[in-house]
Amino acid sequence: MWTCAARWRGLDELQNFLTGSDALTEQVLRRLLAGQRPAVVIGTIWPGWLADFNKPNMDANEDQLRAPARAVLALTTTRIRIEVQPQFSPAELEQAAAVADPRLHGSWQRPRTAG
């Protein structure tokens, strides 16, 4: 019998959750992590966005706009950076073409978009 459950709300493209009137705040994240049940929060963010939120030497107005996002990012206890190459290698393309899953066919030819 399970004594706990995981609830997944992916924070893919984390930068979309760090700005705007309904942005994820440090207080909300702290409340989630301090709850009665264990919690793990996983998010992905493009390196350019991460650098932008942590950019040094910005003017006071820009710094004030990014401060809430930096507070959320500062709560991370483990950061694992996974570099994704801009294109597949010939061996990866050959392997993908050999897979019988129709969802994959042609997907490796779509252009990569970055934020």
C-alpha atoms as a PDB file:
ATOM      1  CA  MET A   1       0.000   0.000   0.000  1.00  0.00           C
ATOM      2  CA  TRP A   2       1.270   3.453  -0.927  1.00  0.00           C
ATOM      3  CA  THR A   3       1.738   5.895   1.912  1.00  0.00           C
ATOM      4  CA  CYS A   4       2.474   8.864  -0.300  1.00  0.00           C
ATOM      5  CA  ALA A   5       1.803  10.007  -3.805  1.00  0.00           C
ATOM      6  CA  ALA A   6       3.490  12.294  -6.244  1.00  0.00           C
ATOM      7  CA  ARG A   7       1.638  15.077  -7.941  1.00  0.00           C
ATOM      8  CA  TRP A   8       3.287  16.371 -11.062  1.00  0.00           C
ATOM      9  CA  ARG A   9       2.897  19.882 -12.317  1.00  0.00           C
ATOM     10  CA  GLY A  10       5.748  20.305 -14.685  1.00  0.00           C
ATOM     11  CA  LEU A  11       7.562  23.600 -14.735  1.00  0.00           C
ATOM     12  CA  ASP A  12       8.817  23.133 -18.251  1.00  0.00           C
ATOM     13  CA  GLU A  13       9.953  26.496 -19.613  1.00  0.00           C
ATOM     14  CA  LEU A  14      10.278  27.787 -16.043  1.00  0.00           C
ATOM     15  CA  GLN A  15      10.809  31.350 -17.240  1.00  0.00           C
ATOM     16  CA  ASN A  16       7.080  31.436 -18.096  1.00  0.00           C
ATOM     17  CA  PHE A  17       6.258  30.899 -14.413  1.00  0.00           C
ATOM     18  CA  LEU A  18       8.651  33.547 -13.055  1.00  0.00           C
ATOM     19  CA  THR A  19       7.171  36.717 -14.527  1.00  0.00           C
ATOM     20  CA  GLY A  20       3.794  38.403 -14.755  1.00  0.00           C
ATOM     21  CA  SER A  21       1.015  39.063 -12.283  1.00  0.00           C
ATOM     22  CA  ASP A  22       0.487  35.350 -11.565  1.00  0.00           C
ATOM     23  CA  ALA A  23       4.177  34.438 -11.273  1.00  0.00           C
ATOM     24  CA  LEU A  24       5.386  31.703  -8.959  1.00  0.00           C
ATOM     25  CA  THR A  25       6.639  33.394  -5.800  1.00  0.00           C
ATOM     26  CA  GLU A  26       9.193  32.456  -3.201  1.00  0.00           C
ATOM     27  CA  GLN A  27       6.440  32.357  -0.550  1.00  0.00           C
ATOM     28  CA  VAL A  28       4.284  29.917  -2.537  1.00  0.00           C
ATOM     29  CA  LEU A  29       7.239  27.659  -3.231  1.00  0.00           C
ATOM     30  CA  ARG A  30       8.355  27.725   0.426  1.00  0.00           C
ATOM     31  CA  ARG A  31       4.810  26.844   1.534  1.00  0.00           C
ATOM     32  CA  LEU A  32       4.734  23.914  -0.881  1.00  0.00           C
ATOM     33  CA  LEU A  33       8.116  22.621   0.255  1.00  0.00           C
ATOM     34  CA  ALA A  34       7.264  23.034   3.960  1.00  0.00           C
ATOM     35  CA  GLY A  35       3.973  21.137   3.655  1.00  0.00           C
ATOM     36  CA  GLN A  36       3.093  18.002   5.543  1.00  0.00           C
ATOM     37  CA  ARG A  37       3.940  15.820   2.562  1.00  0.00           C
ATOM     38  CA  PRO A  38       7.328  15.586   0.883  1.00  0.00           C
ATOM     39  CA  ALA A  39       7.599  17.605  -2.290  1.00  0.00           C
ATOM     40  CA  VAL A  40       9.989  17.780  -5.189  1.00  0.00           C
ATOM     41  CA  VAL A  41       9.818  20.632  -7.665  1.00  0.00           C
ATOM     42  CA  ILE A  42      11.437  20.136 -11.045  1.00  0.00           C
ATOM     43  CA  GLY A  43      11.693  22.785 -13.712  1.00  0.00           C
ATOM     44  CA  THR A  44      13.497  23.392 -16.967  1.00  0.00           C
ATOM     45  CA  ILE A  45      14.824  26.700 -18.195  1.00  0.00           C
ATOM     46  CA  TRP A  46      16.849  27.741 -21.222  1.00  0.00           C
ATOM     47  CA  PRO A  47      20.405  28.846 -20.280  1.00  0.00           C
ATOM     48  CA  GLY A  48      19.812  32.285 -21.794  1.00  0.00           C
ATOM     49  CA  TRP A  49      16.801  32.916 -19.567  1.00  0.00           C
ATOM     50  CA  LEU A  50      18.672  31.742 -16.467  1.00  0.00           C
ATOM     51  CA  ALA A  51      21.540  34.081 -17.285  1.00  0.00           C
ATOM     52  CA  ASP A  52      19.074  36.920 -17.900  1.00  0.00           C
ATOM     53  CA  PHE A  53      17.392  36.498 -14.507  1.00  0.00           C
ATOM     54  CA  ASN A  54      20.793  36.430 -12.801  1.00  0.00           C
ATOM     55  CA  LYS A  55      22.354  39.189 -14.885  1.00  0.00           C
ATOM     56  CA  PRO A  56      24.653  41.412 -12.811  1.00  0.00           C
ATOM     57  CA  ASN A  57      24.934  45.186 -13.072  1.00  0.00           C
ATOM     58  CA  MET A  58      21.389  45.961 -14.142  1.00  0.00           C
ATOM     59  CA  ASP A  59      19.689  49.249 -13.422  1.00  0.00           C
ATOM     60  CA  ALA A  60      17.491  49.527 -10.306  1.00  0.00           C
ATOM     61  CA  ASN A  61      14.192  49.142 -12.177  1.00  0.00           C
ATOM     62  CA  GLU A  62      15.374  46.042 -14.051  1.00  0.00           C
ATOM     63  CA  ASP A  63      16.805  44.608 -10.823  1.00  0.00           C
ATOM     64  CA  GLN A  64      13.480  45.120  -9.046  1.00  0.00           C
ATOM     65  CA  LEU A  65      11.607  43.325 -11.847  1.00  0.00           C
ATOM     66  CA  ARG A  66      13.927  40.291 -11.680  1.00  0.00           C
ATOM     67  CA  ALA A  67      14.253  40.093  -7.878  1.00  0.00           C
ATOM     68  CA  PRO A  68      11.200  37.802  -7.354  1.00  0.00           C
ATOM     69  CA  ALA A  69      12.440  35.381 -10.005  1.00  0.00           C
ATOM     70  CA  ARG A  70      15.914  35.316  -8.461  1.00  0.00           C
ATOM     71  CA  ALA A  71      14.343  34.573  -5.058  1.00  0.00           C
ATOM     72  CA  VAL A  72      12.585  31.504  -6.507  1.00  0.00           C
ATOM     73  CA  LEU A  73      15.728  30.350  -8.320  1.00  0.00           C
ATOM     74  CA  ALA A  74      17.766  30.805  -5.127  1.00  0.00           C
ATOM     75  CA  LEU A  75      15.678  28.099  -3.421  1.00  0.00           C
ATOM     76  CA  THR A  76      17.136  25.389  -5.622  1.00  0.00           C
ATOM     77  CA  THR A  77      19.189  22.918  -3.671  1.00  0.00           C
ATOM     78  CA  THR A  78      20.342  20.900  -6.647  1.00  0.00           C
ATOM     79  CA  ARG A  79      20.941  22.183 -10.131  1.00  0.00           C
ATOM     80  CA  ILE A  80      21.721  19.709 -12.840  1.00  0.00           C
ATOM     81  CA  ARG A  81      22.643  21.227 -16.141  1.00  0.00           C
ATOM     82  CA  ILE A  82      22.014  19.078 -19.170  1.00  0.00           C
ATOM     83  CA  GLU A  83      23.358  20.486 -22.395  1.00  0.00           C
ATOM     84  CA  VAL A  84      21.278  19.662 -25.446  1.00  0.00           C
ATOM     85  CA  GLN A  85      23.028  19.876 -28.773  1.00  0.00           C
ATOM     86  CA  PRO A  86      21.337  21.988 -31.466  1.00  0.00           C
ATOM     87  CA  GLN A  87      21.124  19.022 -33.824  1.00  0.00           C
ATOM     88  CA  PHE A  88      21.209  15.236 -33.725  1.00  0.00           C
ATOM     89  CA  SER A  89      24.322  13.322 -34.680  1.00  0.00           C
ATOM     90  CA  PRO A  90      24.221  11.052 -37.753  1.00  0.00           C
ATOM     91  CA  ALA A  91      24.110   8.003 -35.455  1.00  0.00           C
ATOM     92  CA  GLU A  92      21.162   9.454 -33.510  1.00  0.00           C
ATOM     93  CA  LEU A  93      19.294  10.211 -36.740  1.00  0.00           C
ATOM     94  CA  GLU A  94      19.882   6.659 -37.958  1.00  0.00           C
ATOM     95  CA  GLN A  95      18.674   5.245 -34.656  1.00  0.00           C
ATOM     96  CA  ALA A  96      15.535   7.446 -34.679  1.00  0.00           C
ATOM     97  CA  ALA A  97      14.723   6.446 -38.264  1.00  0.00           C
ATOM     98  CA  ALA A  98      14.902   2.774 -37.274  1.00  0.00           C
ATOM     99  CA  VAL A  99      12.343   3.117 -34.478  1.00  0.00           C
ATOM    100  CA  ALA A 100       8.881   1.901 -35.424  1.00  0.00           C
ATOM    101  CA  ASP A 101       7.093   4.548 -33.337  1.00  0.00           C
ATOM    102  CA  PRO A 102       5.226   6.795 -35.826  1.00  0.00           C
ATOM    103  CA  ARG A 103       5.290   9.700 -33.358  1.00  0.00           C
ATOM    104  CA  LEU A 104       9.029   9.988 -33.893  1.00  0.00           C
ATOM    105  CA  HIS A 105       9.093   9.973 -37.679  1.00  0.00           C
ATOM    106  CA  GLY A 106       9.998  13.424 -38.884  1.00  0.00           C
ATOM    107  CA  SER A 107      10.216  14.900 -35.375  1.00  0.00           C
ATOM    108  CA  TRP A 108      14.005  15.088 -35.579  1.00  0.00           C
ATOM    109  CA  GLN A 109      13.670  17.311 -38.637  1.00  0.00           C
ATOM    110  CA  ARG A 110      11.656  20.028 -36.848  1.00  0.00           C
ATOM    111  CA  PRO A 111      13.703  23.138 -36.089  1.00  0.00           C
ATOM    112  CA  ARG A 112      14.716  23.711 -32.503  1.00  0.00           C
ATOM    113  CA  THR A 113      13.296  26.831 -30.889  1.00  0.00           C
ATOM    114  CA  ALA A 114      14.882  28.449 -27.881  1.00  0.00           C
ATOM    115  CA  GLY A 115      13.736  31.154 -25.547  1.00  0.00           C
END
